[in-house]
PDB file of N, CA and C in Angstrom:
ATOM      1  N   MET A   1      25.683 -12.544   0.626  1.00  0.00           N
ATOM      2  CA  MET A   1      24.654 -11.648   1.102  1.00  0.00           C
ATOM      3  C   MET A   1      23.658 -12.413   1.971  1.00  0.00           C
ATOM      4  N   SER A   2      22.807 -13.202   1.368  1.00  0.00           N
ATOM      5  CA  SER A   2      21.767 -13.902   2.113  1.00  0.00           C
ATOM      6  C   SER A   2      21.645 -15.327   1.602  1.00  0.00           C
ATOM      7  N   ASP A   3      21.234 -16.208   2.493  1.00  0.00           N
ATOM      8  CA  ASP A   3      21.034 -17.598   2.093  1.00  0.00           C
ATOM      9  C   ASP A   3      19.634 -17.831   1.550  1.00  0.00           C
ATOM     10  N   GLY A   4      18.777 -16.839   1.610  1.00  0.00           N
ATOM     11  CA  GLY A   4      17.392 -16.962   1.171  1.00  0.00           C
ATOM     12  C   GLY A   4      17.249 -16.838  -0.335  1.00  0.00           C
ATOM     13  N   PRO A   5      16.025 -16.868  -0.798  1.00  0.00           N
ATOM     14  CA  PRO A   5      15.769 -16.751  -2.237  1.00  0.00           C
ATOM     15  C   PRO A   5      16.202 -15.395  -2.782  1.00  0.00           C
ATOM     16  N   SER A   6      16.575 -15.376  -4.043  1.00  0.00           N
ATOM     17  CA  SER A   6      17.013 -14.145  -4.698  1.00  0.00           C
ATOM     18  C   SER A   6      15.834 -13.466  -5.388  1.00  0.00           C
ATOM     19  N   LEU A   7      16.101 -12.289  -5.922  1.00  0.00           N
ATOM     20  CA  LEU A   7      15.078 -11.570  -6.685  1.00  0.00           C
ATOM     21  C   LEU A   7      14.667 -12.392  -7.903  1.00  0.00           C
ATOM     22  N   SER A   8      15.629 -13.044  -8.532  1.00  0.00           N
ATOM     23  CA  SER A   8      15.322 -13.898  -9.692  1.00  0.00           C
ATOM     24  C   SER A   8      14.404 -15.050  -9.298  1.00  0.00           C
ATOM     25  N   ASP A   9      14.657 -15.633  -8.132  1.00  0.00           N
ATOM     26  CA  ASP A   9      13.788 -16.708  -7.630  1.00  0.00           C
ATOM     27  C   ASP A   9      12.367 -16.186  -7.425  1.00  0.00           C
ATOM     28  N   PHE A  10      12.266 -15.006  -6.848  1.00  0.00           N
ATOM     29  CA  PHE A  10      10.954 -14.400  -6.610  1.00  0.00           C
ATOM     30  C   PHE A  10      10.227 -14.142  -7.928  1.00  0.00           C
ATOM     31  N   MET A  11      10.944 -13.642  -8.920  1.00  0.00           N
ATOM     32  CA  MET A  11      10.322 -13.356 -10.223  1.00  0.00           C
ATOM     33  C   MET A  11       9.866 -14.656 -10.897  1.00  0.00           C
ATOM     34  N   ARG A  12      10.659 -15.707 -10.790  1.00  0.00           N
ATOM     35  CA  ARG A  12      10.236 -17.001 -11.348  1.00  0.00           C
ATOM     36  C   ARG A  12       8.987 -17.510 -10.638  1.00  0.00           C
ATOM     37  N   HIS A  13       8.947 -17.301  -9.327  1.00  0.00           N
ATOM     38  CA  HIS A  13       7.767 -17.687  -8.547  1.00  0.00           C
ATOM     39  C   HIS A  13       6.529 -16.930  -9.038  1.00  0.00           C
ATOM     40  N   LEU A  14       6.676 -15.626  -9.241  1.00  0.00           N
ATOM     41  CA  LEU A  14       5.548 -14.827  -9.733  1.00  0.00           C
ATOM     42  C   LEU A  14       5.107 -15.279 -11.122  1.00  0.00           C
ATOM     43  N   GLN A  15       6.053 -15.609 -11.986  1.00  0.00           N
ATOM     44  CA  GLN A  15       5.719 -16.098 -13.328  1.00  0.00           C
ATOM     45  C   GLN A  15       4.927 -17.405 -13.239  1.00  0.00           C
ATOM     46  N   ALA A  16       5.339 -18.291 -12.326  1.00  0.00           N
ATOM     47  CA  ALA A  16       4.630 -19.557 -12.155  1.00  0.00           C
ATOM     48  C   ALA A  16       3.204 -19.322 -11.653  1.00  0.00           C
ATOM     49  N   ILE A  17       3.048 -18.398 -10.717  1.00  0.00           N
ATOM     50  CA  ILE A  17       1.716 -18.078 -10.194  1.00  0.00           C
ATOM     51  C   ILE A  17       0.859 -17.456 -11.293  1.00  0.00           C
ATOM     52  N   LEU A  18       1.481 -16.631 -12.133  1.00  0.00           N
ATOM     53  CA  LEU A  18       0.745 -16.009 -13.236  1.00  0.00           C
ATOM     54  C   LEU A  18       0.199 -17.083 -14.174  1.00  0.00           C
ATOM     55  N   GLU A  19       1.024 -18.074 -14.473  1.00  0.00           N
ATOM     56  CA  GLU A  19       0.559 -19.166 -15.333  1.00  0.00           C
ATOM     57  C   GLU A  19      -0.562 -19.955 -14.657  1.00  0.00           C
ATOM     58  N   GLU A  20      -0.442 -20.204 -13.358  1.00  0.00           N
ATOM     59  CA  GLU A  20      -1.475 -20.932 -12.618  1.00  0.00           C
ATOM     60  C   GLU A  20      -2.786 -20.157 -12.570  1.00  0.00           C
ATOM     61  N   SER A  21      -2.703 -18.836 -12.615  1.00  0.00           N
ATOM     62  CA  SER A  21      -3.915 -18.017 -12.511  1.00  0.00           C
ATOM     63  C   SER A  21      -4.840 -18.212 -13.709  1.00  0.00           C
ATOM     64  N   GLU A  22      -4.331 -18.756 -14.803  1.00  0.00           N
ATOM     65  CA  GLU A  22      -5.178 -19.042 -15.971  1.00  0.00           C
ATOM     66  C   GLU A  22      -6.282 -20.041 -15.620  1.00  0.00           C
ATOM     67  N   GLU A  23      -6.075 -20.810 -14.565  1.00  0.00           N
ATOM     68  CA  GLU A  23      -7.043 -21.836 -14.170  1.00  0.00           C
ATOM     69  C   GLU A  23      -8.182 -21.286 -13.314  1.00  0.00           C
ATOM     70  N   ILE A  24      -8.130 -20.027 -12.940  1.00  0.00           N
ATOM     71  CA  ILE A  24      -9.211 -19.426 -12.147  1.00  0.00           C
ATOM     72  C   ILE A  24     -10.440 -19.318 -13.036  1.00  0.00           C
ATOM     73  N   GLY A  25     -11.530 -19.929 -12.582  1.00  0.00           N
ATOM     74  CA  GLY A  25     -12.738 -20.022 -13.403  1.00  0.00           C
ATOM     75  C   GLY A  25     -13.444 -18.706 -13.667  1.00  0.00           C
ATOM     76  N   ASP A  26     -13.623 -17.925 -12.641  1.00  0.00           N
ATOM     77  CA  ASP A  26     -14.327 -16.659 -12.784  1.00  0.00           C
ATOM     78  C   ASP A  26     -13.441 -15.648 -13.506  1.00  0.00           C
ATOM     79  N   ARG A  27     -13.953 -15.104 -14.599  1.00  0.00           N
ATOM     80  CA  ARG A  27     -13.165 -14.192 -15.430  1.00  0.00           C
ATOM     81  C   ARG A  27     -12.710 -12.950 -14.657  1.00  0.00           C
ATOM     82  N   THR A  28     -13.615 -12.357 -13.878  1.00  0.00           N
ATOM     83  CA  THR A  28     -13.290 -11.155 -13.118  1.00  0.00           C
ATOM     84  C   THR A  28     -12.205 -11.446 -12.086  1.00  0.00           C
ATOM     85  N   ASP A  29     -12.363 -12.559 -11.358  1.00  0.00           N
ATOM     86  CA  ASP A  29     -11.365 -12.940 -10.363  1.00  0.00           C
ATOM     87  C   ASP A  29     -10.019 -13.229 -11.025  1.00  0.00           C
ATOM     88  N   ARG A  30     -10.060 -13.920 -12.163  1.00  0.00           N
ATOM     89  CA  ARG A  30      -8.828 -14.264 -12.885  1.00  0.00           C
ATOM     90  C   ARG A  30      -8.098 -12.999 -13.331  1.00  0.00           C
ATOM     91  N   GLU A  31      -8.838 -12.065 -13.936  1.00  0.00           N
ATOM     92  CA  GLU A  31      -8.212 -10.829 -14.414  1.00  0.00           C
ATOM     93  C   GLU A  31      -7.681  -9.986 -13.261  1.00  0.00           C
ATOM     94  N   SER A  32      -8.409  -9.957 -12.162  1.00  0.00           N
ATOM     95  CA  SER A  32      -7.969  -9.206 -10.988  1.00  0.00           C
ATOM     96  C   SER A  32      -6.668  -9.799 -10.435  1.00  0.00           C
ATOM     97  N   ARG A  33      -6.646 -11.127 -10.312  1.00  0.00           N
ATOM     98  CA  ARG A  33      -5.443 -11.799  -9.796  1.00  0.00           C
ATOM     99  C   ARG A  33      -4.266 -11.601 -10.744  1.00  0.00           C
ATOM    100  N   GLN A  34      -4.506 -11.687 -12.042  1.00  0.00           N
ATOM    101  CA  GLN A  34      -3.428 -11.501 -13.005  1.00  0.00           C
ATOM    102  C   GLN A  34      -2.874 -10.084 -12.950  1.00  0.00           C
ATOM    103  N   LEU A  35      -3.742  -9.112 -12.752  1.00  0.00           N
ATOM    104  CA  LEU A  35      -3.289  -7.734 -12.619  1.00  0.00           C
ATOM    105  C   LEU A  35      -2.412  -7.570 -11.378  1.00  0.00           C
ATOM    106  N   GLN A  36      -2.813  -8.206 -10.273  1.00  0.00           N
ATOM    107  CA  GLN A  36      -2.009  -8.149  -9.056  1.00  0.00           C
ATOM    108  C   GLN A  36      -0.625  -8.731  -9.297  1.00  0.00           C
ATOM    109  N   ILE A  37      -0.578  -9.889  -9.927  1.00  0.00           N
ATOM    110  CA  ILE A  37       0.698 -10.567 -10.157  1.00  0.00           C
ATOM    111  C   ILE A  37       1.557  -9.771 -11.136  1.00  0.00           C
ATOM    112  N   GLU A  38       0.954  -9.292 -12.211  1.00  0.00           N
ATOM    113  CA  GLU A  38       1.710  -8.504 -13.192  1.00  0.00           C
ATOM    114  C   GLU A  38       2.259  -7.228 -12.556  1.00  0.00           C
ATOM    115  N   SER A  39       1.494  -6.615 -11.653  1.00  0.00           N
ATOM    116  CA  SER A  39       1.972  -5.428 -10.945  1.00  0.00           C
ATOM    117  C   SER A  39       3.156  -5.777 -10.054  1.00  0.00           C
ATOM    118  N   ALA A  40       3.077  -6.925  -9.379  1.00  0.00           N
ATOM    119  CA  ALA A  40       4.181  -7.361  -8.523  1.00  0.00           C
ATOM    120  C   ALA A  40       5.434  -7.633  -9.353  1.00  0.00           C
ATOM    121  N   ILE A  41       5.260  -8.235 -10.520  1.00  0.00           N
ATOM    122  CA  ILE A  41       6.399  -8.489 -11.411  1.00  0.00           C
ATOM    123  C   ILE A  41       7.023  -7.168 -11.840  1.00  0.00           C
ATOM    124  N   GLN A  42       6.191  -6.217 -12.213  1.00  0.00           N
ATOM    125  CA  GLN A  42       6.692  -4.906 -12.637  1.00  0.00           C
ATOM    126  C   GLN A  42       7.462  -4.222 -11.512  1.00  0.00           C
ATOM    127  N   GLU A  43       6.944  -4.287 -10.294  1.00  0.00           N
ATOM    128  CA  GLU A  43       7.633  -3.681  -9.155  1.00  0.00           C
ATOM    129  C   GLU A  43       8.959  -4.383  -8.891  1.00  0.00           C
ATOM    130  N   ALA A  44       8.999  -5.696  -9.049  1.00  0.00           N
ATOM    131  CA  ALA A  44      10.252  -6.438  -8.863  1.00  0.00           C
ATOM    132  C   ALA A  44      11.282  -6.022  -9.904  1.00  0.00           C
ATOM    133  N   ILE A  45      10.842  -5.813 -11.140  1.00  0.00           N
ATOM    134  CA  ILE A  45      11.746  -5.359 -12.196  1.00  0.00           C
ATOM    135  C   ILE A  45      12.288  -3.970 -11.863  1.00  0.00           C
ATOM    136  N   ILE A  46      11.413  -3.072 -11.439  1.00  0.00           N
ATOM    137  CA  ILE A  46      11.821  -1.705 -11.085  1.00  0.00           C
ATOM    138  C   ILE A  46      12.817  -1.747  -9.922  1.00  0.00           C
ATOM    139  N   PHE A  47      12.521  -2.565  -8.917  1.00  0.00           N
ATOM    140  CA  PHE A  47      13.417  -2.692  -7.768  1.00  0.00           C
ATOM    141  C   PHE A  47      14.783  -3.202  -8.208  1.00  0.00           C
ATOM    142  N   GLY A  48      14.806  -4.253  -9.033  1.00  0.00           N
ATOM    143  CA  GLY A  48      16.077  -4.815  -9.498  1.00  0.00           C
ATOM    144  C   GLY A  48      16.892  -3.803 -10.277  1.00  0.00           C
ATOM    145  N   ASN A  49      16.223  -3.063 -11.159  1.00  0.00           N
ATOM    146  CA  ASN A  49      16.925  -2.039 -11.938  1.00  0.00           C
ATOM    147  C   ASN A  49      17.473  -0.939 -11.047  1.00  0.00           C
ATOM    148  N   ARG A  50      16.674  -0.488 -10.102  1.00  0.00           N
ATOM    149  CA  ARG A  50      17.107   0.571  -9.186  1.00  0.00           C
ATOM    150  C   ARG A  50      18.258   0.088  -8.307  1.00  0.00           C
ATOM    151  N   PHE A  51      18.174  -1.138  -7.842  1.00  0.00           N
ATOM    152  CA  PHE A  51      19.218  -1.727  -7.008  1.00  0.00           C
ATOM    153  C   PHE A  51      20.547  -1.743  -7.765  1.00  0.00           C
ATOM    154  N   ARG A  52      20.507  -2.222  -9.013  1.00  0.00           N
ATOM    155  CA  ARG A  52      21.727  -2.276  -9.834  1.00  0.00           C
ATOM    156  C   ARG A  52      22.261  -0.869 -10.120  1.00  0.00           C
ATOM    157  N   GLU A  53      21.364   0.061 -10.381  1.00  0.00           N
ATOM    158  CA  GLU A  53      21.770   1.433 -10.659  1.00  0.00           C
ATOM    159  C   GLU A  53      22.505   2.041  -9.459  1.00  0.00           C
ATOM    160  N   LEU A  54      21.956   1.854  -8.276  1.00  0.00           N
ATOM    161  CA  LEU A  54      22.594   2.381  -7.077  1.00  0.00           C
ATOM    162  C   LEU A  54      23.955   1.724  -6.858  1.00  0.00           C
ATOM    163  N   LYS A  55      24.042   0.418  -7.045  1.00  0.00           N
ATOM    164  CA  LYS A  55      25.314  -0.298  -6.893  1.00  0.00           C
ATOM    165  C   LYS A  55      26.348   0.234  -7.875  1.00  0.00           C
ATOM    166  N   ASP A  56      25.921   0.498  -9.128  1.00  0.00           N
ATOM    167  CA  ASP A  56      26.840   1.016 -10.147  1.00  0.00           C
ATOM    168  C   ASP A  56      27.414   2.374  -9.754  1.00  0.00           C
ATOM    169  N   TYR A  57      26.644   3.153  -8.999  1.00  0.00           N
ATOM    170  CA  TYR A  57      27.108   4.463  -8.562  1.00  0.00           C
ATOM    171  C   TYR A  57      27.837   4.393  -7.214  1.00  0.00           C
ATOM    172  N   GLY A  58      28.041   3.177  -6.727  1.00  0.00           N
ATOM    173  CA  GLY A  58      28.771   3.010  -5.472  1.00  0.00           C
ATOM    174  C   GLY A  58      27.943   3.291  -4.235  1.00  0.00           C
ATOM    175  N   ILE A  59      26.633   3.264  -4.371  1.00  0.00           N
ATOM    176  CA  ILE A  59      25.735   3.517  -3.240  1.00  0.00           C
ATOM    177  C   ILE A  59      25.205   2.180  -2.745  1.00  0.00           C
ATOM    178  N   ASP A  60      25.247   1.980  -1.434  1.00  0.00           N
ATOM    179  CA  ASP A  60      24.713   0.750  -0.856  1.00  0.00           C
ATOM    180  C   ASP A  60      23.191   0.851  -0.826  1.00  0.00           C
ATOM    181  N   PRO A  61      22.492   0.072  -1.682  1.00  0.00           N
ATOM    182  CA  PRO A  61      21.028   0.177  -1.746  1.00  0.00           C
ATOM    183  C   PRO A  61      20.318  -0.282  -0.476  1.00  0.00           C
ATOM    184  N   LEU A  62      21.018  -1.018   0.364  1.00  0.00           N
ATOM    185  CA  LEU A  62      20.378  -1.536   1.570  1.00  0.00           C
ATOM    186  C   LEU A  62      20.801  -0.777   2.825  1.00  0.00           C
ATOM    187  N   HIS A  63      21.473   0.370   2.650  1.00  0.00           N
ATOM    188  CA  HIS A  63      21.879   1.183   3.782  1.00  0.00           C
ATOM    189  C   HIS A  63      20.677   1.982   4.270  1.00  0.00           C
ATOM    190  N   PHE A  64      20.349   1.791   5.513  1.00  0.00           N
ATOM    191  CA  PHE A  64      19.215   2.502   6.087  1.00  0.00           C
ATOM    192  C   PHE A  64      19.722   3.668   6.919  1.00  0.00           C
ATOM    193  N   VAL A  65      19.143   4.817   6.732  1.00  0.00           N
ATOM    194  CA  VAL A  65      19.551   6.020   7.451  1.00  0.00           C
ATOM    195  C   VAL A  65      18.748   6.097   8.741  1.00  0.00           C
ATOM    196  N   LYS A  66      19.458   6.324   9.848  1.00  0.00           N
ATOM    197  CA  LYS A  66      18.777   6.456  11.134  1.00  0.00           C
ATOM    198  C   LYS A  66      18.182   7.851  11.266  1.00  0.00           C
ATOM    199  N   GLN A  67      17.094   7.936  11.975  1.00  0.00           N
ATOM    200  CA  GLN A  67      16.427   9.206  12.204  1.00  0.00           C
ATOM    201  C   GLN A  67      17.295  10.073  13.118  1.00  0.00           C
ATOM    202  N   ASN A  68      17.421  11.348  12.787  1.00  0.00           N
ATOM    203  CA  ASN A  68      18.153  12.273  13.648  1.00  0.00           C
ATOM    204  C   ASN A  68      17.404  12.438  14.949  1.00  0.00           C
ATOM    205  N   SER A  69      18.142  12.585  16.030  1.00  0.00           N
ATOM    206  CA  SER A  69      17.497  12.720  17.337  1.00  0.00           C
ATOM    207  C   SER A  69      16.707  14.015  17.447  1.00  0.00           C
ATOM    208  N   ARG A  70      17.072  15.028  16.655  1.00  0.00           N
ATOM    209  CA  ARG A  70      16.350  16.294  16.732  1.00  0.00           C
ATOM    210  C   ARG A  70      15.021  16.262  15.978  1.00  0.00           C
ATOM    211  N   ASP A  71      14.840  15.257  15.126  1.00  0.00           N
ATOM    212  CA  ASP A  71      13.578  15.145  14.402  1.00  0.00           C
ATOM    213  C   ASP A  71      12.468  14.739  15.360  1.00  0.00           C
ATOM    214  N   ASP A  72      11.346  15.364  15.204  1.00  0.00           N
ATOM    215  CA  ASP A  72      10.204  15.007  16.039  1.00  0.00           C
ATOM    216  C   ASP A  72       9.605  13.702  15.559  1.00  0.00           C
ATOM    217  N   ALA A  73       9.391  12.811  16.484  1.00  0.00           N
ATOM    218  CA  ALA A  73       8.748  11.540  16.154  1.00  0.00           C
ATOM    219  C   ALA A  73       7.271  11.805  15.909  1.00  0.00           C
ATOM    220  N   PRO A  74       6.675  11.104  14.941  1.00  0.00           N
ATOM    221  CA  PRO A  74       5.248  11.311  14.700  1.00  0.00           C
ATOM    222  C   PRO A  74       4.430  10.898  15.915  1.00  0.00           C
ATOM    223  N   GLN A  75       3.373  11.635  16.155  1.00  0.00           N
ATOM    224  CA  GLN A  75       2.509  11.314  17.279  1.00  0.00           C
ATOM    225  C   GLN A  75       1.724  10.040  16.995  1.00  0.00           C
ATOM    226  N   HIS A  76       1.508   9.281  18.048  1.00  0.00           N
ATOM    227  CA  HIS A  76       0.729   8.051  17.917  1.00  0.00           C
ATOM    228  C   HIS A  76      -0.730   8.404  17.632  1.00  0.00           C
ATOM    229  N   VAL A  77      -1.319   7.719  16.671  1.00  0.00           N
ATOM    230  CA  VAL A  77      -2.718   7.917  16.327  1.00  0.00           C
ATOM    231  C   VAL A  77      -3.440   6.603  16.586  1.00  0.00           C
ATOM    232  N   SER A  78      -4.533   6.683  17.334  1.00  0.00           N
ATOM    233  CA  SER A  78      -5.287   5.472  17.650  1.00  0.00           C
ATOM    234  C   SER A  78      -6.047   4.983  16.415  1.00  0.00           C
ATOM    235  N   LYS A  79      -6.501   3.741  16.483  1.00  0.00           N
ATOM    236  CA  LYS A  79      -7.273   3.174  15.380  1.00  0.00           C
ATOM    237  C   LYS A  79      -8.552   3.974  15.145  1.00  0.00           C
ATOM    238  N   ILE A  80      -9.187   4.410  16.209  1.00  0.00           N
ATOM    239  CA  ILE A  80     -10.421   5.188  16.098  1.00  0.00           C
ATOM    240  C   ILE A  80     -10.130   6.513  15.397  1.00  0.00           C
ATOM    241  N   GLU A  81      -9.039   7.186  15.782  1.00  0.00           N
ATOM    242  CA  GLU A  81      -8.687   8.449  15.141  1.00  0.00           C
ATOM    243  C   GLU A  81      -8.398   8.238  13.663  1.00  0.00           C
ATOM    244  N   THR A  82      -7.741   7.138  13.335  1.00  0.00           N
ATOM    245  CA  THR A  82      -7.441   6.830  11.942  1.00  0.00           C
ATOM    246  C   THR A  82      -8.717   6.628  11.145  1.00  0.00           C
ATOM    247  N   LEU A  83      -9.668   5.925  11.716  1.00  0.00           N
ATOM    248  CA  LEU A  83     -10.931   5.687  11.018  1.00  0.00           C
ATOM    249  C   LEU A  83     -11.730   6.976  10.842  1.00  0.00           C
ATOM    250  N   ASN A  84     -11.563   7.926  11.753  1.00  0.00           N
ATOM    251  CA  ASN A  84     -12.333   9.164  11.703  1.00  0.00           C
ATOM    252  C   ASN A  84     -11.695  10.246  10.840  1.00  0.00           C
ATOM    253  N   ILE A  85     -10.475  10.011  10.358  1.00  0.00           N
ATOM    254  CA  ILE A  85      -9.817  11.018   9.519  1.00  0.00           C
ATOM    255  C   ILE A  85     -10.675  11.275   8.292  1.00  0.00           C
ATOM    256  N   GLY A  86     -10.893  12.521   7.996  1.00  0.00           N
ATOM    257  CA  GLY A  86     -11.665  12.897   6.820  1.00  0.00           C
ATOM    258  C   GLY A  86     -13.163  12.972   7.054  1.00  0.00           C
ATOM    259  N   GLN A  87     -13.608  12.621   8.247  1.00  0.00           N
ATOM    260  CA  GLN A  87     -15.035  12.707   8.524  1.00  0.00           C
ATOM    261  C   GLN A  87     -15.357  14.090   9.075  1.00  0.00           C
ATOM    262  N   SER A  88     -16.529  14.581   8.733  1.00  0.00           N
ATOM    263  CA  SER A  88     -16.962  15.905   9.173  1.00  0.00           C
ATOM    264  C   SER A  88     -17.806  15.791  10.433  1.00  0.00           C
ATOM    265  N   VAL A  89     -17.920  16.925  11.122  1.00  0.00           N
ATOM    266  CA  VAL A  89     -18.725  17.006  12.334  1.00  0.00           C
ATOM    267  C   VAL A  89     -19.858  17.988  12.076  1.00  0.00           C
ATOM    268  N   CYS A  90     -21.031  17.654  12.541  1.00  0.00           N
ATOM    269  CA  CYS A  90     -22.210  18.495  12.367  1.00  0.00           C
ATOM    270  C   CYS A  90     -22.043  19.794  13.145  1.00  0.00           C
ATOM    271  N   SER A  91     -22.335  20.924  12.489  1.00  0.00           N
ATOM    272  CA  SER A  91     -22.239  22.225  13.158  1.00  0.00           C
ATOM    273  C   SER A  91     -23.403  22.441  14.126  1.00  0.00           C
ATOM    274  N   GLY A  92     -24.473  21.660  13.955  1.00  0.00           N
ATOM    275  CA  GLY A  92     -25.637  21.812  14.822  1.00  0.00           C
ATOM    276  C   GLY A  92     -25.528  21.058  16.129  1.00  0.00           C
ATOM    277  N   CYS A  93     -25.163  19.771  16.045  1.00  0.00           N
ATOM    278  CA  CYS A  93     -25.160  18.956  17.264  1.00  0.00           C
ATOM    279  C   CYS A  93     -23.781  18.392  17.616  1.00  0.00           C
ATOM    280  N   GLY A  94     -22.808  18.475  16.706  1.00  0.00           N
ATOM    281  CA  GLY A  94     -21.461  18.005  17.002  1.00  0.00           C
ATOM    282  C   GLY A  94     -21.221  16.533  16.730  1.00  0.00           C
ATOM    283  N   ASN A  95     -22.255  15.826  16.285  1.00  0.00           N
ATOM    284  CA  ASN A  95     -22.074  14.404  15.968  1.00  0.00           C
ATOM    285  C   ASN A  95     -21.365  14.251  14.625  1.00  0.00           C
ATOM    286  N   GLN A  96     -20.793  13.073  14.399  1.00  0.00           N
ATOM    287  CA  GLN A  96     -20.095  12.802  13.140  1.00  0.00           C
ATOM    288  C   GLN A  96     -21.115  12.683  12.009  1.00  0.00           C
ATOM    289  N   LEU A  97     -20.776  13.312  10.867  1.00  0.00           N
ATOM    290  CA  LEU A  97     -21.635  13.247   9.690  1.00  0.00           C
ATOM    291  C   LEU A  97     -21.274  12.032   8.858  1.00  0.00           C
ATOM    292  N   GLU A  98     -22.251  11.425   8.274  1.00  0.00           N
ATOM    293  CA  GLU A  98     -22.023  10.297   7.382  1.00  0.00           C
ATOM    294  C   GLU A  98     -21.658  10.843   6.011  1.00  0.00           C
ATOM    295  N   ASN A  99     -20.633  10.255   5.387  1.00  0.00           N
ATOM    296  CA  ASN A  99     -20.120  10.776   4.124  1.00  0.00           C
ATOM    297  C   ASN A  99     -21.135  10.733   2.988  1.00  0.00           C
ATOM    298  N   ASP A 100     -22.039   9.765   3.007  1.00  0.00           N
ATOM    299  CA  ASP A 100     -22.978   9.614   1.898  1.00  0.00           C
ATOM    300  C   ASP A 100     -24.283  10.397   2.082  1.00  0.00           C
ATOM    301  N   LEU A 101     -24.407  11.131   3.178  1.00  0.00           N
ATOM    302  CA  LEU A 101     -25.622  11.914   3.425  1.00  0.00           C
ATOM    303  C   LEU A 101     -25.297  13.401   3.342  1.00  0.00           C
ATOM    304  N   ASP A 102     -26.259  14.199   2.852  1.00  0.00           N
ATOM    305  CA  ASP A 102     -26.050  15.648   2.808  1.00  0.00           C
ATOM    306  C   ASP A 102     -26.718  16.350   3.981  1.00  0.00           C
ATOM    307  N   PHE A 103     -27.033  15.576   5.030  1.00  0.00           N
ATOM    308  CA  PHE A 103     -27.618  16.126   6.242  1.00  0.00           C
ATOM    309  C   PHE A 103     -27.148  15.274   7.416  1.00  0.00           C
ATOM    310  N   CYS A 104     -27.307  15.808   8.629  1.00  0.00           N
ATOM    311  CA  CYS A 104     -26.919  15.080   9.838  1.00  0.00           C
ATOM    312  C   CYS A 104     -27.984  14.044  10.184  1.00  0.00           C
ATOM    313  N   ALA A 105     -27.570  12.804  10.358  1.00  0.00           N
ATOM    314  CA  ALA A 105     -28.508  11.733  10.699  1.00  0.00           C
ATOM    315  C   ALA A 105     -29.060  11.902  12.101  1.00  0.00           C
ATOM    316  N   SER A 106     -28.349  12.640  12.964  1.00  0.00           N
ATOM    317  CA  SER A 106     -28.802  12.821  14.348  1.00  0.00           C
ATOM    318  C   SER A 106     -29.829  13.936  14.504  1.00  0.00           C
ATOM    319  N   CYS A 107     -29.553  15.119  13.908  1.00  0.00           N
ATOM    320  CA  CYS A 107     -30.438  16.261  14.132  1.00  0.00           C
ATOM    321  C   CYS A 107     -31.112  16.762  12.854  1.00  0.00           C
ATOM    322  N   GLY A 108     -30.680  16.284  11.694  1.00  0.00           N
ATOM    323  CA  GLY A 108     -31.322  16.684  10.438  1.00  0.00           C
ATOM    324  C   GLY A 108     -30.754  17.950   9.807  1.00  0.00           C
ATOM    325  N   GLU A 109     -29.769  18.579  10.457  1.00  0.00           N
ATOM    326  CA  GLU A 109     -29.178  19.809   9.909  1.00  0.00           C
ATOM    327  C   GLU A 109     -28.487  19.510   8.580  1.00  0.00           C
ATOM    328  N   LYS A 110     -28.708  20.409   7.596  1.00  0.00           N
ATOM    329  CA  LYS A 110     -28.069  20.239   6.294  1.00  0.00           C
ATOM    330  C   LYS A 110     -26.587  20.569   6.380  1.00  0.00           C
ATOM    331  N   ARG A 111     -25.814  19.920   5.529  1.00  0.00           N
ATOM    332  CA  ARG A 111     -24.368  20.180   5.482  1.00  0.00           C
ATOM    333  C   ARG A 111     -24.089  21.551   4.949  1.00  0.00           C
TER     334      ARG A 111
END
């Protein structure tokens, strides 16, 4: 298959990092890092189990399906549009409303 590291190698790496995380001095940082690593280990286990399950059913787990030509490609969204998703516009002046305010910072109109 591949000459690179295996899933088992990756899991051993995560276990080693988990043990090293005990040396993090700040308790909050240590617990946060350990949660990240434990979550990654759990996802690796789920992936390995799913991979084996698909193989057992004769399904190639690494087969990627190409998009049909009739499917519409998603429209490109700019970074600015992405940042503005979910933001409201003032009905009084049309400026963007700040999420933490119950009035427009530009004209003072209430939401």
